[in-house]
Amino acid sequence: MGAGRWRRVRLPLPALHTAVTARVWSPDQDTDRLLLAHDGPEYQRRGGLAEHATGAGCHLVLLPPGERDEWYSACDPYAESLALDVLPRLRSRLGVHRVVGAGVSLGALAMLHAQRCHPAGFAGLFLQSGSFFQPRHDRQESGFRRWSRIVRYVRRVLTTGRGPAVPTTMTCGAAEENLANNRDMAVALRRQGYPVRLAVGPGGHDWPAWRAALDPHLTTLLGDAWPELR
């Protein structure tokens, strides 16, 4: 890893009446760039996210999942807390202004949801195997307790004419059940003005596949969001 340091930062989530403690890596040099990751501790432990952040010379914030099934399922209070409380606190504390959000599975859905609800806070999205459930593709997921809320939200996104576009990279494994819904989402976002790349690679809905997709796709996305890195 490059020169920098880790610390822990407590982040209140007022709309959810709670708080989380995130691990934060900051480079020694000043930068206004931030990579914000859902499922952050596991993304680092099993995905090796920090080496990509340090290579880009950006701050890295590893958000713990908290009440994951609730918060990451197109939950408006979570999106509000993330965009209106967490990001302003990080901007003030770290001096950052250009944020790329990253997530896998439900975490990818939640990051897209937050960006679309509060677009001013985001410069790019890196979404791996997003849980963009649709009844025609994903009926096997219908037992999930927030299935209906996710389906309603995804339908709304897919039928919107224009969106708050930012550079977006999506990755998905060729063996995944939800490849079809990722393809549909990529088409919809592209139609709405998002510069979208969808990378389909080997593997399934698991950490080995997500980790393998980081290089080169995350690096490329960070260059799209932060052109000075190219």
Protein backbone atom coordinates (compact mmCIF):
# COMPACT_ATOMS: atom_id res chain seq x y z
CA MET A 1 0.00 0.00 0.00
CA GLY A 2 1.03 3.60 -0.52
CA ALA A 3 1.89 6.02 2.25
CA GLY A 4 -1.08 6.81 4.44
CA ARG A 5 -2.94 5.79 7.57
CA TRP A 6 -6.07 4.03 8.79
CA ARG A 7 -8.47 5.44 11.36
CA ARG A 8 -12.01 4.86 12.59
CA VAL A 9 -14.71 7.47 12.09
CA ARG A 10 -18.13 7.42 13.72
CA LEU A 11 -20.89 8.39 11.29
CA PRO A 12 -24.38 9.20 12.60
CA LEU A 13 -27.38 8.07 10.55
CA PRO A 14 -30.12 10.34 11.93
CA ALA A 15 -32.92 9.15 9.66
CA LEU A 16 -32.29 5.61 10.96
CA HIS A 17 -31.78 6.68 14.60
CA THR A 18 -28.39 5.01 14.79
CA ALA A 19 -24.74 5.37 13.77
CA VAL A 20 -21.99 3.28 12.22
CA THR A 21 -18.24 3.29 12.65
CA ALA A 22 -16.35 3.19 9.36
CA ARG A 23 -12.72 2.36 8.69
CA VAL A 24 -11.08 5.14 6.71
CA TRP A 25 -7.77 5.10 4.85
CA SER A 26 -6.27 8.45 3.89
CA PRO A 27 -3.17 9.10 1.81
CA ASP A 28 -0.46 11.35 3.17
CA GLN A 29 -1.00 13.86 0.36
CA ASP A 30 -4.10 16.05 0.18
CA THR A 31 -6.79 14.91 -2.24
CA ASP A 32 -10.46 15.66 -2.82
CA ARG A 33 -11.15 12.12 -4.13
CA LEU A 34 -13.06 9.49 -2.12
CA LEU A 35 -14.00 5.88 -2.81
CA LEU A 36 -17.00 4.94 -0.63
CA ALA A 37 -17.75 1.23 -0.28
CA HIS A 38 -20.80 -0.62 0.98
CA ASP A 39 -20.06 -3.87 2.83
CA GLY A 40 -16.73 -2.14 3.30
CA PRO A 41 -14.93 -4.38 5.81
CA GLU A 42 -15.66 -7.50 3.76
CA TYR A 43 -14.96 -5.68 0.49
CA GLN A 44 -11.50 -4.97 1.86
CA ARG A 45 -10.87 -8.33 3.50
CA ARG A 46 -12.11 -10.48 0.62
CA GLY A 47 -11.90 -8.08 -2.30
CA GLY A 48 -8.62 -6.28 -1.61
CA LEU A 49 -10.19 -2.89 -2.27
CA ALA A 50 -7.52 -0.83 -0.52
CA GLU A 51 -4.78 -1.54 -3.03
CA HIS A 52 -6.92 -0.01 -5.78
CA ALA A 53 -7.80 3.04 -3.68
CA THR A 54 -4.22 3.65 -2.66
CA GLY A 55 -3.10 3.29 -6.26
CA ALA A 56 -5.55 6.05 -7.16
CA GLY A 57 -4.32 8.25 -4.31
CA CYS A 58 -7.82 8.65 -2.88
CA HIS A 59 -9.43 8.34 0.52
CA LEU A 60 -11.20 5.02 1.10
CA VAL A 61 -14.20 4.71 3.42
CA LEU A 62 -15.32 1.19 4.34
CA LEU A 63 -18.94 1.40 5.47
CA PRO A 64 -20.16 -1.53 7.59
CA PRO A 65 -23.44 -3.05 6.40
CA GLY A 66 -25.48 -2.49 9.57
CA GLU A 67 -29.03 -3.76 9.03
CA ARG A 68 -28.06 -4.89 5.55
CA ASP A 69 -31.31 -6.44 4.30
CA GLU A 70 -33.21 -3.33 5.33
CA TRP A 71 -30.75 -0.55 4.53
CA TYR A 72 -29.52 -1.90 1.20
CA SER A 73 -32.95 -2.63 -0.30
CA ALA A 74 -33.88 0.77 -1.83
CA CYS A 75 -34.45 2.20 1.65
CA ASP A 76 -35.16 5.95 1.47
CA PRO A 77 -34.05 6.76 5.06
CA TYR A 78 -30.72 5.04 4.43
CA ALA A 79 -30.16 6.92 1.17
CA GLU A 80 -31.03 10.16 2.98
CA SER A 81 -28.60 9.44 5.80
CA LEU A 82 -25.83 8.48 3.39
CA ALA A 83 -26.17 11.50 1.14
CA LEU A 84 -27.22 14.21 3.59
CA ASP A 85 -25.33 13.20 6.74
CA VAL A 86 -22.49 10.77 6.00
CA LEU A 87 -21.12 12.47 2.89
CA PRO A 88 -21.22 16.02 4.31
CA ARG A 89 -19.41 14.80 7.43
CA LEU A 90 -16.77 13.09 5.32
CA ARG A 91 -16.38 16.16 3.13
CA SER A 92 -15.81 18.33 6.17
CA ARG A 93 -13.44 15.92 7.88
CA LEU A 94 -11.44 14.72 4.87
CA GLY A 95 -11.71 17.66 2.49
CA VAL A 96 -13.25 15.52 -0.27
CA HIS A 97 -15.65 16.63 -3.00
CA ARG A 98 -15.61 13.93 -5.69
CA VAL A 99 -17.07 10.64 -4.46
CA VAL A 100 -17.25 7.31 -6.26
CA GLY A 101 -19.65 4.83 -4.67
CA ALA A 102 -19.01 1.08 -4.84
CA GLY A 103 -21.06 -1.93 -3.84
CA VAL A 104 -21.78 -5.58 -4.54
CA SER A 105 -25.17 -7.31 -4.74
CA LEU A 106 -27.64 -5.43 -2.51
CA GLY A 107 -24.86 -2.94 -1.76
CA ALA A 108 -24.72 -2.06 -5.46
CA LEU A 109 -28.48 -1.53 -5.56
CA ALA A 110 -28.28 0.72 -2.49
CA MET A 111 -25.45 2.81 -3.97
CA LEU A 112 -27.39 3.37 -7.20
CA HIS A 113 -30.49 4.23 -5.17
CA ALA A 114 -28.58 6.80 -3.09
CA GLN A 115 -27.01 8.38 -6.17
CA ARG A 116 -30.34 8.74 -7.94
CA CYS A 117 -32.08 10.14 -4.86
CA HIS A 118 -29.27 12.62 -4.11
CA PRO A 119 -27.10 12.93 -7.23
CA ALA A 120 -25.05 15.94 -6.17
CA GLY A 121 -22.96 13.78 -3.85
CA PHE A 122 -21.54 11.38 -6.47
CA ALA A 123 -18.99 11.53 -9.30
CA GLY A 124 -19.22 7.87 -10.33
CA LEU A 125 -20.57 4.40 -9.53
CA PHE A 126 -18.92 0.97 -9.46
CA LEU A 127 -21.68 -1.65 -9.20
CA GLN A 128 -20.91 -5.35 -9.01
CA SER A 129 -23.66 -7.95 -9.48
CA GLY A 130 -26.38 -5.52 -8.51
CA SER A 131 -29.56 -7.04 -7.06
CA PHE A 132 -31.83 -5.30 -9.57
CA PHE A 133 -34.70 -7.73 -9.07
CA GLN A 134 -37.45 -8.09 -11.64
CA PRO A 135 -40.24 -10.69 -11.47
CA ARG A 136 -39.54 -11.96 -14.99
CA HIS A 137 -35.92 -12.77 -14.17
CA ASP A 138 -35.73 -13.23 -10.41
CA ARG A 139 -38.85 -14.97 -9.12
CA GLN A 140 -36.55 -17.27 -7.12
CA GLU A 141 -35.73 -14.24 -4.92
CA SER A 142 -39.37 -13.47 -4.10
CA GLY A 143 -39.05 -14.82 -0.56
CA PHE A 144 -36.71 -11.96 0.37
CA ARG A 145 -38.63 -9.73 2.77
CA ARG A 146 -37.93 -6.53 0.80
CA TRP A 147 -38.57 -8.11 -2.58
CA SER A 148 -41.59 -5.92 -3.34
CA ARG A 149 -39.82 -2.67 -2.48
CA ILE A 150 -36.84 -3.56 -4.66
CA VAL A 151 -39.08 -4.61 -7.56
CA ARG A 152 -41.04 -1.35 -7.39
CA TYR A 153 -37.85 0.69 -7.30
CA VAL A 154 -36.17 -1.17 -10.15
CA ARG A 155 -39.29 -0.83 -12.28
CA ARG A 156 -39.24 2.91 -11.65
CA VAL A 157 -35.61 3.20 -12.72
CA LEU A 158 -36.09 1.07 -15.83
CA THR A 159 -39.00 3.20 -17.04
CA THR A 160 -37.53 6.64 -16.32
CA GLY A 161 -36.74 8.76 -19.34
CA ARG A 162 -33.70 10.59 -18.01
CA GLY A 163 -31.47 10.10 -14.97
CA PRO A 164 -28.80 11.99 -12.99
CA ALA A 165 -25.98 10.52 -15.07
CA VAL A 166 -22.46 9.83 -13.79
CA PRO A 167 -19.78 7.48 -15.17
CA THR A 168 -20.83 3.96 -14.17
CA THR A 169 -19.19 0.57 -14.44
CA MET A 170 -21.14 -2.60 -13.77
CA THR A 171 -19.64 -6.08 -13.49
CA CYS A 172 -21.44 -9.41 -13.38
CA GLY A 173 -20.48 -13.06 -13.59
CA ALA A 174 -21.53 -15.06 -16.64
CA ALA A 175 -22.84 -17.82 -14.36
CA GLU A 176 -25.05 -15.53 -12.25
CA GLU A 177 -28.81 -15.82 -12.08
CA ASN A 178 -29.10 -12.04 -12.09
CA LEU A 179 -27.05 -11.36 -15.21
CA ALA A 180 -30.24 -10.62 -17.15
CA ASN A 181 -31.37 -7.93 -14.73
CA ASN A 182 -27.91 -6.33 -14.81
CA ARG A 183 -28.08 -6.22 -18.59
CA ASP A 184 -31.51 -4.59 -18.42
CA MET A 185 -30.26 -2.03 -15.93
CA ALA A 186 -27.21 -1.20 -18.06
CA VAL A 187 -29.45 -0.59 -21.09
CA ALA A 188 -31.80 1.62 -19.06
CA LEU A 189 -29.02 3.71 -17.51
CA ARG A 190 -27.32 4.16 -20.87
CA ARG A 191 -30.61 5.36 -22.34
CA GLN A 192 -30.87 7.86 -19.49
CA GLY A 193 -27.47 9.37 -20.28
CA TYR A 194 -25.18 7.43 -17.96
CA PRO A 195 -21.83 6.52 -19.57
CA VAL A 196 -22.12 2.81 -18.71
CA ARG A 197 -19.75 -0.10 -19.12
CA LEU A 198 -21.08 -3.60 -18.34
CA ALA A 199 -18.28 -6.13 -17.97
CA VAL A 200 -19.38 -9.79 -17.95
CA GLY A 201 -16.66 -12.10 -16.70
CA PRO A 202 -16.21 -15.65 -15.49
CA GLY A 203 -17.61 -16.82 -12.19
CA GLY A 204 -20.72 -16.30 -10.15
CA HIS A 205 -22.19 -14.21 -7.37
CA ASP A 206 -19.22 -14.41 -5.02
CA TRP A 207 -16.13 -12.64 -3.74
CA PRO A 208 -13.59 -14.40 -5.99
CA ALA A 209 -15.48 -13.15 -9.06
CA TRP A 210 -15.91 -9.64 -7.66
CA ARG A 211 -12.25 -9.39 -6.69
CA ALA A 212 -11.11 -10.61 -10.11
CA ALA A 213 -13.23 -7.92 -11.79
CA LEU A 214 -11.62 -5.02 -9.93
CA ASP A 215 -8.64 -5.02 -12.27
CA PRO A 216 -8.99 -3.34 -14.72
CA HIS A 217 -12.62 -2.29 -14.36
CA LEU A 218 -12.43 -0.30 -11.11
CA THR A 219 -9.25 1.42 -12.24
CA THR A 220 -10.91 2.40 -15.52
CA LEU A 221 -14.00 3.73 -13.75
CA LEU A 222 -11.90 5.84 -11.38
CA GLY A 223 -10.18 7.33 -14.42
CA ASP A 224 -13.58 8.19 -15.89
CA ALA A 225 -14.72 9.85 -12.66
CA TRP A 226 -11.36 11.50 -11.95
CA PRO A 227 -9.83 12.29 -15.38
CA GLU A 228 -6.51 13.48 -13.94
CA LEU A 229 -5.70 9.83 -13.14
CA ARG A 230 -5.63 8.83 -16.81
